[in-house]
Amino acid sequence: MYLVLLIVAILVCLLLGIIVLVQNPKGGGLSSNFSSSSQLLGVQKTGDILEKGTWVLAITLMVLSLAINVAIKSNTGGTTGSDYQEQIQKASKPSGPVGSSAPLTLPGAGAKPTDTTKK
């Protein structure tokens, strides 16, 4: 189900991109090519169809994104939340001995300081 929704969402994104690129921000775009009023769609109708198509595809993309989110959360296969909790608990436990008697030293703390000044 997740894969089908994802493929449909990708197709909607591609169509939305094509429709947006066909439009001109100042009202020209594809509708400017129809200068005669005897055309099939006409100037105003082409702009209206492109605008309505943009709105429909944008709303469809939002609904698909929510559906994909629900499909992922309802997917019972794979790693569940309890598995994540177990991994977090395992990673948060210290791996070394707690009451180590060896003192902690900084790297290079036991080394003899060298004179770096030029003479």
C-alpha atoms as a PDB file:
ATOM      1  CA  MET A   1       0.000   0.000   0.000  1.00  0.00           C
ATOM      2  CA  TYR A   2       2.838   2.336   0.907  1.00  0.00           C
ATOM      3  CA  LEU A   3       4.595   1.754  -2.397  1.00  0.00           C
ATOM      4  CA  VAL A   4       1.447   2.411  -4.452  1.00  0.00           C
ATOM      5  CA  LEU A   5       0.780   5.664  -2.596  1.00  0.00           C
ATOM      6  CA  LEU A   6       4.382   6.715  -3.052  1.00  0.00           C
ATOM      7  CA  ILE A   7       4.286   6.103  -6.818  1.00  0.00           C
ATOM      8  CA  VAL A   8       1.013   8.034  -7.136  1.00  0.00           C
ATOM      9  CA  ALA A   9       2.504  10.903  -5.112  1.00  0.00           C
ATOM     10  CA  ILE A  10       5.533  11.045  -7.417  1.00  0.00           C
ATOM     11  CA  LEU A  11       3.266  11.136 -10.464  1.00  0.00           C
ATOM     12  CA  VAL A  12       1.199  13.934  -8.902  1.00  0.00           C
ATOM     13  CA  CYS A  13       4.411  15.880  -8.213  1.00  0.00           C
ATOM     14  CA  LEU A  14       5.510  15.535 -11.829  1.00  0.00           C
ATOM     15  CA  LEU A  15       2.107  16.630 -13.154  1.00  0.00           C
ATOM     16  CA  LEU A  16       2.015  19.556 -10.730  1.00  0.00           C
ATOM     17  CA  GLY A  17       5.459  20.656 -11.869  1.00  0.00           C
ATOM     18  CA  ILE A  18       4.443  20.490 -15.514  1.00  0.00           C
ATOM     19  CA  ILE A  19       1.247  22.480 -14.929  1.00  0.00           C
ATOM     20  CA  VAL A  20       3.095  25.130 -12.926  1.00  0.00           C
ATOM     21  CA  LEU A  21       5.762  25.473 -15.601  1.00  0.00           C
ATOM     22  CA  VAL A  22       3.138  25.849 -18.332  1.00  0.00           C
ATOM     23  CA  GLN A  23       1.567  28.784 -16.502  1.00  0.00           C
ATOM     24  CA  ASN A  24       2.938  32.287 -16.719  1.00  0.00           C
ATOM     25  CA  PRO A  25       2.936  34.270 -13.475  1.00  0.00           C
ATOM     26  CA  LYS A  26       1.383  37.278 -15.216  1.00  0.00           C
ATOM     27  CA  GLY A  27      -1.486  35.385 -16.795  1.00  0.00           C
ATOM     28  CA  GLY A  28       0.211  34.545 -20.114  1.00  0.00           C
ATOM     29  CA  GLY A  29       1.749  31.100 -20.423  1.00  0.00           C
ATOM     30  CA  LEU A  30      -0.206  28.579 -22.433  1.00  0.00           C
ATOM     31  CA  SER A  31      -3.237  30.820 -22.577  1.00  0.00           C
ATOM     32  CA  SER A  32      -1.267  33.511 -24.436  1.00  0.00           C
ATOM     33  CA  ASN A  33      -0.840  31.163 -27.392  1.00  0.00           C
ATOM     34  CA  PHE A  34      -4.602  31.182 -28.003  1.00  0.00           C
ATOM     35  CA  SER A  35      -5.065  34.669 -29.406  1.00  0.00           C
ATOM     36  CA  SER A  36      -8.237  33.887 -31.328  1.00  0.00           C
ATOM     37  CA  SER A  37     -11.532  33.632 -29.477  1.00  0.00           C
ATOM     38  CA  SER A  38     -12.700  30.858 -31.810  1.00  0.00           C
ATOM     39  CA  GLN A  39     -10.347  28.335 -30.265  1.00  0.00           C
ATOM     40  CA  LEU A  40     -11.660  25.303 -28.454  1.00  0.00           C
ATOM     41  CA  LEU A  41     -10.899  26.463 -24.912  1.00  0.00           C
ATOM     42  CA  GLY A  42     -10.253  30.149 -25.389  1.00  0.00           C
ATOM     43  CA  VAL A  43      -7.919  32.401 -23.432  1.00  0.00           C
ATOM     44  CA  GLN A  44      -9.807  32.657 -20.174  1.00  0.00           C
ATOM     45  CA  LYS A  45     -10.859  29.012 -20.011  1.00  0.00           C
ATOM     46  CA  THR A  46      -7.290  27.752 -20.482  1.00  0.00           C
ATOM     47  CA  GLY A  47      -6.120  29.837 -17.534  1.00  0.00           C
ATOM     48  CA  ASP A  48      -9.036  28.623 -15.432  1.00  0.00           C
ATOM     49  CA  ILE A  49      -8.359  24.978 -16.269  1.00  0.00           C
ATOM     50  CA  LEU A  50      -4.666  25.335 -15.414  1.00  0.00           C
ATOM     51  CA  GLU A  51      -5.455  27.093 -12.152  1.00  0.00           C
ATOM     52  CA  LYS A  52      -8.050  24.511 -11.130  1.00  0.00           C
ATOM     53  CA  GLY A  53      -5.673  21.715 -12.110  1.00  0.00           C
ATOM     54  CA  THR A  54      -2.978  23.246  -9.921  1.00  0.00           C
ATOM     55  CA  TRP A  55      -5.334  23.422  -6.948  1.00  0.00           C
ATOM     56  CA  VAL A  56      -6.594  19.880  -7.453  1.00  0.00           C
ATOM     57  CA  LEU A  57      -3.095  18.436  -7.741  1.00  0.00           C
ATOM     58  CA  ALA A  58      -1.821  20.416  -4.743  1.00  0.00           C
ATOM     59  CA  ILE A  59      -4.681  19.202  -2.543  1.00  0.00           C
ATOM     60  CA  THR A  60      -4.202  15.658  -3.870  1.00  0.00           C
ATOM     61  CA  LEU A  61      -0.519  15.814  -2.945  1.00  0.00           C
ATOM     62  CA  MET A  62      -1.342  16.935   0.596  1.00  0.00           C
ATOM     63  CA  VAL A  63      -3.891  14.137   1.038  1.00  0.00           C
ATOM     64  CA  LEU A  64      -1.439  11.592  -0.372  1.00  0.00           C
ATOM     65  CA  SER A  65       1.287  12.731   2.013  1.00  0.00           C
ATOM     66  CA  LEU A  66      -1.053  12.228   4.959  1.00  0.00           C
ATOM     67  CA  ALA A  67      -2.109   8.818   3.619  1.00  0.00           C
ATOM     68  CA  ILE A  68       1.529   7.774   3.214  1.00  0.00           C
ATOM     69  CA  ASN A  69       2.186   8.801   6.823  1.00  0.00           C
ATOM     70  CA  VAL A  70      -0.746   6.716   8.027  1.00  0.00           C
ATOM     71  CA  ALA A  71       0.326   3.768   5.853  1.00  0.00           C
ATOM     72  CA  ILE A  72       3.830   3.828   7.305  1.00  0.00           C
ATOM     73  CA  LYS A  73       2.585   3.979  10.897  1.00  0.00           C
ATOM     74  CA  SER A  74       0.067   1.195  10.371  1.00  0.00           C
ATOM     75  CA  ASN A  75       2.642  -1.054   8.723  1.00  0.00           C
ATOM     76  CA  THR A  76       3.204  -3.869  11.234  1.00  0.00           C
ATOM     77  CA  GLY A  77       6.240  -5.305   9.477  1.00  0.00           C
ATOM     78  CA  GLY A  78       9.702  -4.037  10.252  1.00  0.00           C
ATOM     79  CA  THR A  79      10.915  -2.301  13.352  1.00  0.00           C
ATOM     80  CA  THR A  80       8.277  -1.271  15.855  1.00  0.00           C
ATOM     81  CA  GLY A  81       8.434   1.321  18.600  1.00  0.00           C
ATOM     82  CA  SER A  82       9.317  -1.272  21.246  1.00  0.00           C
ATOM     83  CA  ASP A  83      12.331  -2.368  19.200  1.00  0.00           C
ATOM     84  CA  TYR A  84      13.480   1.240  19.125  1.00  0.00           C
ATOM     85  CA  GLN A  85      13.048   1.493  22.885  1.00  0.00           C
ATOM     86  CA  GLU A  86      15.152  -1.647  23.389  1.00  0.00           C
ATOM     87  CA  GLN A  87      17.928  -0.223  21.214  1.00  0.00           C
ATOM     88  CA  ILE A  88      17.853   3.057  23.143  1.00  0.00           C
ATOM     89  CA  GLN A  89      18.030   1.247  26.487  1.00  0.00           C
ATOM     90  CA  LYS A  90      20.897  -0.936  25.270  1.00  0.00           C
ATOM     91  CA  ALA A  91      22.842   2.065  23.952  1.00  0.00           C
ATOM     92  CA  SER A  92      22.322   4.141  27.091  1.00  0.00           C
ATOM     93  CA  LYS A  93      23.858   1.536  29.398  1.00  0.00           C
ATOM     94  CA  PRO A  94      27.558   2.107  30.080  1.00  0.00           C
ATOM     95  CA  SER A  95      29.758  -0.541  28.537  1.00  0.00           C
ATOM     96  CA  GLY A  96      32.765  -0.119  30.868  1.00  0.00           C
ATOM     97  CA  PRO A  97      33.053  -0.906  34.546  1.00  0.00           C
ATOM     98  CA  VAL A  98      31.219   1.569  36.744  1.00  0.00           C
ATOM     99  CA  GLY A  99      33.583   1.737  39.709  1.00  0.00           C
ATOM    100  CA  SER A 100      36.885   1.630  37.853  1.00  0.00           C
ATOM    101  CA  SER A 101      39.874   2.118  40.155  1.00  0.00           C
ATOM    102  CA  ALA A 102      42.138   3.370  37.362  1.00  0.00           C
ATOM    103  CA  PRO A 103      42.381   7.162  37.376  1.00  0.00           C
ATOM    104  CA  LEU A 104      41.379   8.978  34.268  1.00  0.00           C
ATOM    105  CA  THR A 105      44.210  10.793  32.516  1.00  0.00           C
ATOM    106  CA  LEU A 106      44.201  13.227  29.690  1.00  0.00           C
ATOM    107  CA  PRO A 107      46.080  12.340  26.524  1.00  0.00           C
ATOM    108  CA  GLY A 108      49.625  13.611  26.734  1.00  0.00           C
ATOM    109  CA  ALA A 109      49.365  14.394  30.456  1.00  0.00           C
ATOM    110  CA  GLY A 110      52.114  11.943  31.337  1.00  0.00           C
ATOM    111  CA  ALA A 111      54.443  13.098  28.581  1.00  0.00           C
ATOM    112  CA  LYS A 112      57.360  15.351  29.367  1.00  0.00           C
ATOM    113  CA  PRO A 113      56.769  18.903  28.108  1.00  0.00           C
ATOM    114  CA  THR A 114      59.052  19.875  25.250  1.00  0.00           C
ATOM    115  CA  ASP A 115      60.576  23.261  24.687  1.00  0.00           C
ATOM    116  CA  THR A 116      59.184  24.661  21.448  1.00  0.00           C
ATOM    117  CA  THR A 117      60.850  28.067  21.572  1.00  0.00           C
ATOM    118  CA  LYS A 118      63.564  28.783  19.032  1.00  0.00           C
ATOM    119  CA  LYS A 119      66.952  29.749  20.360  1.00  0.00           C
END
